[in-house]
N, C-alpha and C. Protein backbone atom coordinates (compact mmCIF):
# COMPACT_ATOMS: atom_id res chain seq x y z
N UNK A 1 -16.61 4.63 11.16
CA UNK A 1 -16.15 5.21 9.93
C UNK A 1 -16.14 4.11 8.86
N UNK A 2 -16.69 4.42 7.72
CA UNK A 2 -16.65 3.48 6.60
C UNK A 2 -15.78 4.06 5.51
N UNK A 3 -15.11 3.19 4.78
CA UNK A 3 -14.26 3.63 3.68
C UNK A 3 -14.19 2.52 2.64
N UNK A 4 -13.77 2.85 1.42
CA UNK A 4 -13.61 1.81 0.40
C UNK A 4 -12.56 0.80 0.83
N UNK A 5 -12.77 -0.46 0.46
CA UNK A 5 -11.83 -1.53 0.79
C UNK A 5 -11.24 -2.08 -0.51
N UNK A 6 -9.92 -2.16 -0.56
CA UNK A 6 -9.24 -2.70 -1.74
C UNK A 6 -9.22 -4.22 -1.65
N UNK A 7 -9.55 -4.87 -2.76
CA UNK A 7 -9.55 -6.33 -2.81
C UNK A 7 -9.62 -6.79 -4.26
N UNK A 8 -9.41 -8.06 -4.48
CA UNK A 8 -9.51 -8.63 -5.83
C UNK A 8 -10.95 -9.04 -6.09
N UNK A 9 -11.42 -8.78 -7.33
CA UNK A 9 -12.79 -9.19 -7.68
C UNK A 9 -12.77 -10.61 -8.26
N UNK A 10 -13.89 -11.06 -8.80
CA UNK A 10 -14.03 -12.43 -9.31
C UNK A 10 -13.05 -12.73 -10.45
N UNK A 11 -12.67 -11.71 -11.23
CA UNK A 11 -11.73 -11.94 -12.34
C UNK A 11 -10.29 -11.66 -11.92
N UNK A 12 -10.05 -11.56 -10.60
CA UNK A 12 -8.73 -11.36 -10.02
C UNK A 12 -8.13 -9.98 -10.35
N UNK A 13 -9.00 -9.00 -10.57
CA UNK A 13 -8.57 -7.62 -10.77
C UNK A 13 -8.61 -6.94 -9.42
N UNK A 14 -7.52 -6.27 -9.06
CA UNK A 14 -7.41 -5.63 -7.75
C UNK A 14 -7.91 -4.20 -7.84
N UNK A 15 -8.76 -3.78 -6.94
CA UNK A 15 -9.28 -2.42 -6.92
C UNK A 15 -10.15 -2.20 -5.71
N UNK A 16 -10.84 -1.06 -5.69
CA UNK A 16 -11.74 -0.72 -4.59
C UNK A 16 -13.13 -1.26 -4.91
N UNK A 17 -13.40 -2.49 -4.50
CA UNK A 17 -14.66 -3.15 -4.82
C UNK A 17 -15.53 -3.41 -3.60
N UNK A 18 -15.16 -2.91 -2.46
CA UNK A 18 -15.94 -3.20 -1.27
C UNK A 18 -15.91 -2.07 -0.28
N UNK A 19 -16.32 -2.39 0.94
CA UNK A 19 -16.34 -1.38 2.00
C UNK A 19 -15.80 -1.97 3.29
N UNK A 20 -15.07 -1.14 4.02
CA UNK A 20 -14.49 -1.51 5.30
C UNK A 20 -15.09 -0.59 6.37
N UNK A 21 -15.51 -1.16 7.49
CA UNK A 21 -16.06 -0.37 8.58
C UNK A 21 -15.11 -0.45 9.76
N UNK A 22 -14.70 0.70 10.25
CA UNK A 22 -13.82 0.78 11.41
C UNK A 22 -14.59 1.38 12.58
N UNK A 23 -14.61 0.64 13.68
CA UNK A 23 -15.20 1.14 14.92
C UNK A 23 -14.14 1.01 16.00
N UNK A 24 -14.07 1.99 16.86
CA UNK A 24 -13.07 1.88 17.90
C UNK A 24 -13.02 3.06 18.83
N UNK A 25 -11.96 3.06 19.60
CA UNK A 25 -11.77 4.07 20.63
C UNK A 25 -10.28 4.39 20.70
N UNK A 26 -9.97 5.67 20.76
CA UNK A 26 -8.59 6.10 20.92
C UNK A 26 -8.52 7.03 22.13
N UNK A 27 -7.57 6.75 23.01
CA UNK A 27 -7.40 7.53 24.23
C UNK A 27 -5.97 8.02 24.31
N UNK A 28 -5.78 9.23 24.81
CA UNK A 28 -4.42 9.72 25.03
C UNK A 28 -4.43 10.72 26.18
N UNK A 29 -3.30 10.79 26.84
CA UNK A 29 -3.12 11.74 27.94
C UNK A 29 -1.66 12.17 27.95
N UNK A 30 -1.43 13.43 28.27
CA UNK A 30 -0.05 13.91 28.38
C UNK A 30 -0.03 15.03 29.40
N UNK A 31 1.13 15.28 29.93
CA UNK A 31 1.28 16.36 30.88
C UNK A 31 2.51 16.19 31.74
N UNK A 32 2.68 17.12 32.66
CA UNK A 32 3.81 17.08 33.58
C UNK A 32 3.37 16.29 34.81
N UNK A 33 3.97 15.11 34.99
CA UNK A 33 3.63 14.22 36.10
C UNK A 33 4.07 14.86 37.41
N UNK A 34 5.26 15.40 37.42
CA UNK A 34 5.78 16.21 38.52
C UNK A 34 6.80 17.15 37.90
N UNK A 35 7.27 18.12 38.65
CA UNK A 35 8.19 19.10 38.08
C UNK A 35 9.39 18.40 37.43
N UNK A 36 9.59 18.68 36.13
CA UNK A 36 10.73 18.11 35.40
C UNK A 36 10.50 16.72 34.83
N UNK A 37 9.30 16.17 34.99
CA UNK A 37 9.00 14.84 34.45
C UNK A 37 7.69 14.91 33.66
N UNK A 38 7.81 14.76 32.34
CA UNK A 38 6.66 14.83 31.47
C UNK A 38 6.36 13.44 30.93
N UNK A 39 5.09 13.17 30.72
CA UNK A 39 4.69 11.86 30.21
C UNK A 39 3.61 11.96 29.16
N UNK A 40 3.55 10.93 28.34
CA UNK A 40 2.49 10.82 27.34
C UNK A 40 2.15 9.34 27.18
N UNK A 41 0.85 9.03 27.14
CA UNK A 41 0.39 7.66 26.94
C UNK A 41 -0.75 7.69 25.94
N UNK A 42 -0.87 6.62 25.17
CA UNK A 42 -1.99 6.51 24.24
C UNK A 42 -2.35 5.05 24.05
N UNK A 43 -3.60 4.83 23.71
CA UNK A 43 -4.09 3.48 23.43
C UNK A 43 -5.18 3.60 22.38
N UNK A 44 -5.20 2.65 21.47
CA UNK A 44 -6.31 2.61 20.51
C UNK A 44 -6.79 1.17 20.36
N UNK A 45 -8.07 1.05 20.19
CA UNK A 45 -8.74 -0.23 20.03
C UNK A 45 -9.62 -0.10 18.79
N UNK A 46 -9.37 -0.92 17.78
CA UNK A 46 -10.09 -0.79 16.51
C UNK A 46 -10.65 -2.14 16.09
N UNK A 47 -11.92 -2.13 15.73
CA UNK A 47 -12.56 -3.31 15.16
C UNK A 47 -12.83 -2.97 13.70
N UNK A 48 -11.93 -3.40 12.81
CA UNK A 48 -12.03 -3.09 11.38
C UNK A 48 -12.54 -4.33 10.65
N UNK A 49 -13.72 -4.24 10.11
CA UNK A 49 -14.36 -5.37 9.42
C UNK A 49 -14.66 -5.03 7.97
N UNK A 50 -14.63 -6.04 7.13
CA UNK A 50 -15.06 -5.90 5.74
C UNK A 50 -16.57 -6.09 5.72
N UNK A 51 -17.30 -5.03 5.37
CA UNK A 51 -18.76 -5.09 5.41
C UNK A 51 -19.37 -5.35 4.04
N UNK A 52 -18.63 -5.05 2.97
CA UNK A 52 -19.06 -5.37 1.61
C UNK A 52 -17.85 -5.90 0.87
N UNK A 53 -17.97 -7.08 0.28
CA UNK A 53 -16.86 -7.66 -0.46
C UNK A 53 -17.36 -8.24 -1.78
N UNK A 54 -16.42 -8.41 -2.71
CA UNK A 54 -16.78 -8.98 -4.01
C UNK A 54 -17.37 -10.37 -3.80
N UNK A 55 -18.57 -10.58 -4.29
CA UNK A 55 -19.30 -11.85 -4.16
C UNK A 55 -19.53 -12.25 -2.70
N UNK A 56 -19.34 -11.33 -1.75
CA UNK A 56 -19.57 -11.63 -0.33
C UNK A 56 -18.57 -12.62 0.25
N UNK A 57 -17.50 -12.88 -0.51
CA UNK A 57 -16.54 -13.92 -0.15
C UNK A 57 -15.85 -13.67 1.20
N UNK A 58 -15.49 -12.43 1.49
CA UNK A 58 -14.75 -12.14 2.73
C UNK A 58 -15.56 -11.29 3.70
N UNK A 59 -16.86 -11.25 3.51
CA UNK A 59 -17.75 -10.48 4.35
C UNK A 59 -17.54 -10.85 5.82
N UNK A 60 -17.33 -9.84 6.67
CA UNK A 60 -17.17 -10.07 8.10
C UNK A 60 -15.74 -10.34 8.54
N UNK A 61 -14.83 -10.54 7.58
CA UNK A 61 -13.41 -10.74 7.95
C UNK A 61 -12.80 -9.44 8.46
N UNK A 62 -11.69 -9.57 9.17
CA UNK A 62 -10.95 -8.39 9.60
C UNK A 62 -10.34 -7.70 8.39
N UNK A 63 -10.31 -6.38 8.41
CA UNK A 63 -9.69 -5.61 7.33
C UNK A 63 -8.18 -5.79 7.39
N UNK A 64 -7.56 -5.86 6.23
CA UNK A 64 -6.11 -6.05 6.15
C UNK A 64 -5.37 -4.81 6.65
N UNK A 65 -4.25 -5.05 7.35
CA UNK A 65 -3.36 -3.98 7.76
C UNK A 65 -3.81 -3.12 8.91
N UNK A 66 -4.87 -3.51 9.62
CA UNK A 66 -5.37 -2.71 10.74
C UNK A 66 -5.20 -3.51 12.03
N UNK A 67 -4.26 -3.11 12.89
CA UNK A 67 -4.10 -3.82 14.16
C UNK A 67 -5.29 -3.56 15.09
N UNK A 68 -5.64 -4.56 15.89
CA UNK A 68 -6.74 -4.41 16.84
C UNK A 68 -6.40 -3.43 17.97
N UNK A 69 -5.12 -3.44 18.38
CA UNK A 69 -4.70 -2.64 19.53
C UNK A 69 -3.34 -2.02 19.27
N UNK A 70 -3.17 -0.78 19.72
CA UNK A 70 -1.85 -0.15 19.76
C UNK A 70 -1.74 0.62 21.07
N UNK A 71 -0.57 0.58 21.65
CA UNK A 71 -0.30 1.30 22.90
C UNK A 71 1.06 1.98 22.78
N UNK A 72 1.19 3.14 23.39
CA UNK A 72 2.50 3.78 23.48
C UNK A 72 2.57 4.58 24.78
N UNK A 73 3.77 4.68 25.30
CA UNK A 73 4.01 5.45 26.52
C UNK A 73 5.41 6.02 26.46
N UNK A 74 5.55 7.25 26.88
CA UNK A 74 6.85 7.89 26.87
C UNK A 74 7.03 8.81 28.06
N UNK A 75 8.28 8.96 28.47
CA UNK A 75 8.64 9.86 29.56
C UNK A 75 9.81 10.73 29.12
N UNK A 76 9.84 11.97 29.61
CA UNK A 76 10.93 12.90 29.36
C UNK A 76 11.28 13.53 30.71
N UNK A 77 12.53 13.36 31.13
CA UNK A 77 12.94 13.75 32.49
C UNK A 77 14.11 14.70 32.46
N UNK A 78 13.96 15.85 33.12
CA UNK A 78 15.05 16.81 33.27
C UNK A 78 15.93 16.36 34.43
N UNK A 79 17.18 16.02 34.14
CA UNK A 79 18.07 15.53 35.20
C UNK A 79 18.41 16.66 36.17
N UNK A 80 18.49 16.35 37.47
CA UNK A 80 18.81 17.39 38.45
C UNK A 80 20.31 17.69 38.53
N UNK A 81 21.18 16.79 38.08
CA UNK A 81 22.62 16.96 38.25
C UNK A 81 23.30 17.72 37.12
N UNK A 82 22.68 17.80 35.92
CA UNK A 82 23.25 18.59 34.82
C UNK A 82 22.15 19.46 34.26
N UNK A 83 22.17 20.76 34.57
CA UNK A 83 21.14 21.67 34.04
C UNK A 83 21.13 21.61 32.50
N UNK A 84 19.93 21.52 31.92
CA UNK A 84 19.79 21.48 30.46
C UNK A 84 19.76 20.08 29.88
N UNK A 85 20.12 19.04 30.68
CA UNK A 85 20.13 17.67 30.17
C UNK A 85 18.81 16.98 30.52
N UNK A 86 18.18 16.42 29.50
CA UNK A 86 16.94 15.65 29.68
C UNK A 86 17.12 14.27 29.05
N UNK A 87 16.56 13.26 29.70
CA UNK A 87 16.59 11.89 29.20
C UNK A 87 15.16 11.47 28.86
N UNK A 88 15.03 10.64 27.84
CA UNK A 88 13.68 10.22 27.48
C UNK A 88 13.65 8.77 27.03
N UNK A 89 12.47 8.21 27.10
CA UNK A 89 12.27 6.83 26.66
C UNK A 89 10.84 6.65 26.19
N UNK A 90 10.66 5.68 25.31
CA UNK A 90 9.33 5.42 24.75
C UNK A 90 9.18 3.94 24.47
N UNK A 91 8.00 3.41 24.70
CA UNK A 91 7.66 2.03 24.35
C UNK A 91 6.43 2.07 23.44
N UNK A 92 6.46 1.26 22.38
CA UNK A 92 5.35 1.18 21.42
C UNK A 92 4.98 -0.28 21.25
N UNK A 93 3.70 -0.58 21.35
CA UNK A 93 3.20 -1.94 21.10
C UNK A 93 2.13 -1.87 20.02
N UNK A 94 2.21 -2.78 19.05
CA UNK A 94 1.19 -2.89 18.01
C UNK A 94 0.82 -4.35 17.87
N UNK A 95 -0.47 -4.66 17.98
CA UNK A 95 -0.91 -6.05 17.83
C UNK A 95 -0.76 -6.46 16.37
N UNK A 96 -0.81 -7.75 16.12
CA UNK A 96 -0.69 -8.27 14.76
C UNK A 96 -1.86 -7.83 13.89
N UNK A 97 -1.65 -7.90 12.58
CA UNK A 97 -2.73 -7.56 11.65
C UNK A 97 -2.65 -8.49 10.44
N UNK A 98 -3.77 -8.63 9.76
CA UNK A 98 -3.82 -9.51 8.59
C UNK A 98 -3.28 -8.79 7.36
N UNK A 99 -2.71 -9.56 6.45
CA UNK A 99 -2.19 -8.99 5.21
C UNK A 99 -3.23 -8.96 4.11
N UNK A 100 -4.20 -9.86 4.17
CA UNK A 100 -5.15 -9.96 3.07
C UNK A 100 -6.59 -10.07 3.57
N UNK A 101 -7.52 -9.88 2.65
CA UNK A 101 -8.95 -9.92 3.00
C UNK A 101 -9.40 -11.31 3.40
N UNK A 102 -8.70 -12.35 2.93
CA UNK A 102 -9.05 -13.73 3.29
C UNK A 102 -8.65 -14.06 4.72
N UNK A 103 -7.85 -13.19 5.34
CA UNK A 103 -7.32 -13.41 6.69
C UNK A 103 -6.50 -14.68 6.77
N UNK A 104 -5.80 -15.02 5.68
CA UNK A 104 -4.99 -16.24 5.64
C UNK A 104 -3.52 -15.98 5.96
N UNK A 105 -3.11 -14.72 5.99
CA UNK A 105 -1.73 -14.37 6.35
C UNK A 105 -1.77 -13.27 7.39
N UNK A 106 -1.09 -13.51 8.52
CA UNK A 106 -1.11 -12.53 9.61
C UNK A 106 0.30 -12.23 10.07
N UNK A 107 0.55 -10.96 10.35
CA UNK A 107 1.84 -10.55 10.89
C UNK A 107 1.76 -10.52 12.41
N UNK A 108 2.87 -10.87 13.04
CA UNK A 108 2.94 -10.91 14.50
C UNK A 108 2.87 -9.50 15.11
N UNK A 109 2.49 -9.45 16.35
CA UNK A 109 2.53 -8.20 17.10
C UNK A 109 4.00 -7.83 17.34
N UNK A 110 4.25 -6.59 17.70
CA UNK A 110 5.62 -6.16 17.96
C UNK A 110 5.66 -5.07 19.02
N UNK A 111 6.79 -5.00 19.70
CA UNK A 111 7.04 -3.97 20.70
C UNK A 111 8.40 -3.35 20.40
N UNK A 112 8.46 -2.04 20.46
CA UNK A 112 9.71 -1.33 20.18
C UNK A 112 10.02 -0.39 21.33
N UNK A 113 11.30 -0.31 21.71
CA UNK A 113 11.76 0.60 22.75
C UNK A 113 12.71 1.62 22.14
N UNK A 114 12.54 2.88 22.50
CA UNK A 114 13.40 3.97 22.04
C UNK A 114 13.91 4.72 23.27
N UNK A 115 15.15 5.20 23.20
CA UNK A 115 15.69 6.04 24.28
C UNK A 115 16.40 7.24 23.66
N UNK A 116 16.59 8.27 24.48
CA UNK A 116 17.28 9.44 23.95
C UNK A 116 17.68 10.41 25.03
N UNK A 117 18.41 11.42 24.59
CA UNK A 117 18.86 12.49 25.48
C UNK A 117 18.81 13.80 24.70
N UNK A 118 18.58 14.89 25.44
CA UNK A 118 18.54 16.22 24.86
C UNK A 118 19.32 17.15 25.77
N UNK A 119 20.14 18.00 25.19
CA UNK A 119 20.91 18.96 26.00
C UNK A 119 20.67 20.36 25.45
N UNK A 120 20.10 21.23 26.30
CA UNK A 120 19.85 22.62 25.93
C UNK A 120 20.94 23.50 26.53
N UNK A 121 21.49 24.37 25.70
CA UNK A 121 22.53 25.28 26.17
C UNK A 121 22.46 26.57 25.36
N UNK A 122 23.36 27.49 25.64
CA UNK A 122 23.46 28.74 24.88
C UNK A 122 24.89 28.85 24.38
N UNK A 123 25.04 29.07 23.08
CA UNK A 123 26.36 29.23 22.47
C UNK A 123 26.34 30.55 21.70
N UNK A 124 27.27 31.41 22.00
CA UNK A 124 27.36 32.74 21.37
C UNK A 124 26.03 33.50 21.46
N UNK A 125 25.38 33.35 22.60
CA UNK A 125 24.13 34.06 22.84
C UNK A 125 22.91 33.47 22.16
N UNK A 126 23.07 32.33 21.52
CA UNK A 126 21.96 31.69 20.80
C UNK A 126 21.58 30.37 21.48
N UNK A 127 20.25 30.13 21.70
CA UNK A 127 19.82 28.84 22.26
C UNK A 127 20.13 27.70 21.27
N UNK A 128 20.76 26.64 21.79
CA UNK A 128 21.13 25.48 20.99
C UNK A 128 20.64 24.22 21.70
N UNK A 129 20.13 23.26 20.92
CA UNK A 129 19.69 21.98 21.47
C UNK A 129 20.39 20.87 20.71
N UNK A 130 21.06 19.98 21.46
CA UNK A 130 21.69 18.78 20.90
C UNK A 130 20.82 17.58 21.28
N UNK A 131 20.62 16.68 20.33
CA UNK A 131 19.81 15.48 20.60
C UNK A 131 20.56 14.23 20.15
N UNK A 132 20.40 13.16 20.94
CA UNK A 132 20.92 11.84 20.57
C UNK A 132 19.83 10.83 20.91
N UNK A 133 19.44 10.03 19.94
CA UNK A 133 18.37 9.05 20.14
C UNK A 133 18.77 7.70 19.57
N UNK A 134 18.25 6.66 20.20
CA UNK A 134 18.37 5.30 19.67
C UNK A 134 16.95 4.79 19.50
N UNK A 135 16.57 4.58 18.25
CA UNK A 135 15.25 4.01 17.96
C UNK A 135 15.40 2.51 17.78
N UNK A 136 14.44 1.76 18.27
CA UNK A 136 14.47 0.29 18.24
C UNK A 136 15.71 -0.22 18.98
N UNK A 137 15.81 0.19 20.22
CA UNK A 137 16.96 -0.14 21.07
C UNK A 137 17.32 -1.62 21.08
N UNK A 138 16.34 -2.50 21.10
CA UNK A 138 16.59 -3.94 21.18
C UNK A 138 16.78 -4.58 19.80
N UNK A 139 16.80 -3.76 18.74
CA UNK A 139 16.98 -4.22 17.36
C UNK A 139 15.96 -5.31 16.98
N UNK A 140 14.72 -5.08 17.37
CA UNK A 140 13.61 -6.01 17.13
C UNK A 140 13.25 -6.02 15.64
N UNK A 141 13.08 -7.20 15.06
CA UNK A 141 12.59 -7.32 13.69
C UNK A 141 11.07 -7.27 13.71
N UNK A 142 10.49 -6.44 12.87
CA UNK A 142 9.03 -6.34 12.82
C UNK A 142 8.60 -5.82 11.46
N UNK A 143 7.31 -5.99 11.18
CA UNK A 143 6.72 -5.53 9.93
C UNK A 143 5.75 -4.41 10.22
N UNK A 144 5.76 -3.37 9.39
CA UNK A 144 4.75 -2.31 9.43
C UNK A 144 3.77 -2.59 8.31
N UNK A 145 2.49 -2.62 8.63
CA UNK A 145 1.48 -2.92 7.62
C UNK A 145 0.42 -1.83 7.58
N UNK A 146 -0.02 -1.51 6.38
CA UNK A 146 -1.14 -0.61 6.16
C UNK A 146 -1.90 -1.14 4.97
N UNK A 147 -3.09 -1.62 5.20
CA UNK A 147 -3.82 -2.27 4.11
C UNK A 147 -2.99 -3.45 3.62
N UNK A 148 -2.71 -3.48 2.34
CA UNK A 148 -1.87 -4.57 1.82
C UNK A 148 -0.44 -4.09 1.54
N UNK A 149 -0.09 -2.92 2.05
CA UNK A 149 1.27 -2.40 1.93
C UNK A 149 2.07 -2.85 3.15
N UNK A 150 3.23 -3.43 2.90
CA UNK A 150 4.06 -3.95 3.98
C UNK A 150 5.49 -3.46 3.80
N UNK A 151 6.10 -3.05 4.89
CA UNK A 151 7.50 -2.66 4.85
C UNK A 151 8.19 -3.17 6.11
N UNK A 152 9.48 -3.37 6.02
CA UNK A 152 10.26 -3.83 7.16
C UNK A 152 10.41 -2.67 8.15
N UNK A 153 10.20 -2.95 9.44
CA UNK A 153 10.39 -1.94 10.47
C UNK A 153 11.87 -1.55 10.55
N UNK A 154 12.12 -0.34 10.97
CA UNK A 154 13.50 0.15 11.03
C UNK A 154 14.33 -0.64 12.03
N UNK A 155 15.54 -1.03 11.65
CA UNK A 155 16.42 -1.69 12.62
C UNK A 155 16.91 -0.67 13.65
N UNK A 156 17.74 -1.10 14.57
CA UNK A 156 18.30 -0.15 15.55
C UNK A 156 18.91 1.02 14.78
N UNK A 157 18.50 2.22 15.16
CA UNK A 157 18.93 3.42 14.43
C UNK A 157 19.40 4.47 15.42
N UNK A 158 20.58 5.03 15.15
CA UNK A 158 21.14 6.09 15.97
C UNK A 158 20.91 7.42 15.23
N UNK A 159 20.36 8.40 15.95
CA UNK A 159 20.07 9.69 15.34
C UNK A 159 20.71 10.78 16.19
N UNK A 160 21.54 11.61 15.56
CA UNK A 160 22.15 12.76 16.22
C UNK A 160 21.68 14.01 15.49
N UNK A 161 21.33 15.06 16.25
CA UNK A 161 20.91 16.30 15.62
C UNK A 161 21.22 17.48 16.53
N UNK A 162 21.24 18.64 15.92
CA UNK A 162 21.43 19.89 16.68
C UNK A 162 20.57 20.94 16.02
N UNK A 163 20.03 21.85 16.83
CA UNK A 163 19.26 22.96 16.29
C UNK A 163 19.65 24.23 17.03
N UNK A 164 19.56 25.34 16.31
CA UNK A 164 19.91 26.63 16.88
C UNK A 164 18.82 27.63 16.55
N UNK A 165 18.45 28.45 17.52
CA UNK A 165 17.48 29.51 17.27
C UNK A 165 18.25 30.76 16.86
N UNK A 166 17.93 31.28 15.70
CA UNK A 166 18.62 32.48 15.20
C UNK A 166 17.84 33.67 15.52
């Protein structure tokens, strides 16, 4: 896949002056591993190169904000001792990526762990689901990058929710 690449030109004006080529492979699988245990895994491998750049200065460099590898895996398990209670966990890995077309600034790779629980029940004849999740369980500091856009990854976050079918 080719797409426009944002970069600074000779007069230091930032815009879409080049082209980025992304080649890669993305794999995913999901399903019930055994009764009451569901899983999902994914992996992507991307070779993102700058194929056209202003004055050819960064030709062949890695494209900014595109990690070479990402992996994720998650499990959701229905506990046998409390009907309606399910526990889940997820791991996400993202390799480092460059911030700029010159490839002079690179962000480190990061791994994040999430855990959670879900409880399905019936209240007043209506199906209700309660959820409790902890995202970034280990409170890992990391950067999320897309192109030249950078934001701080979410710190440890607790999320509680409930839903009801009417």
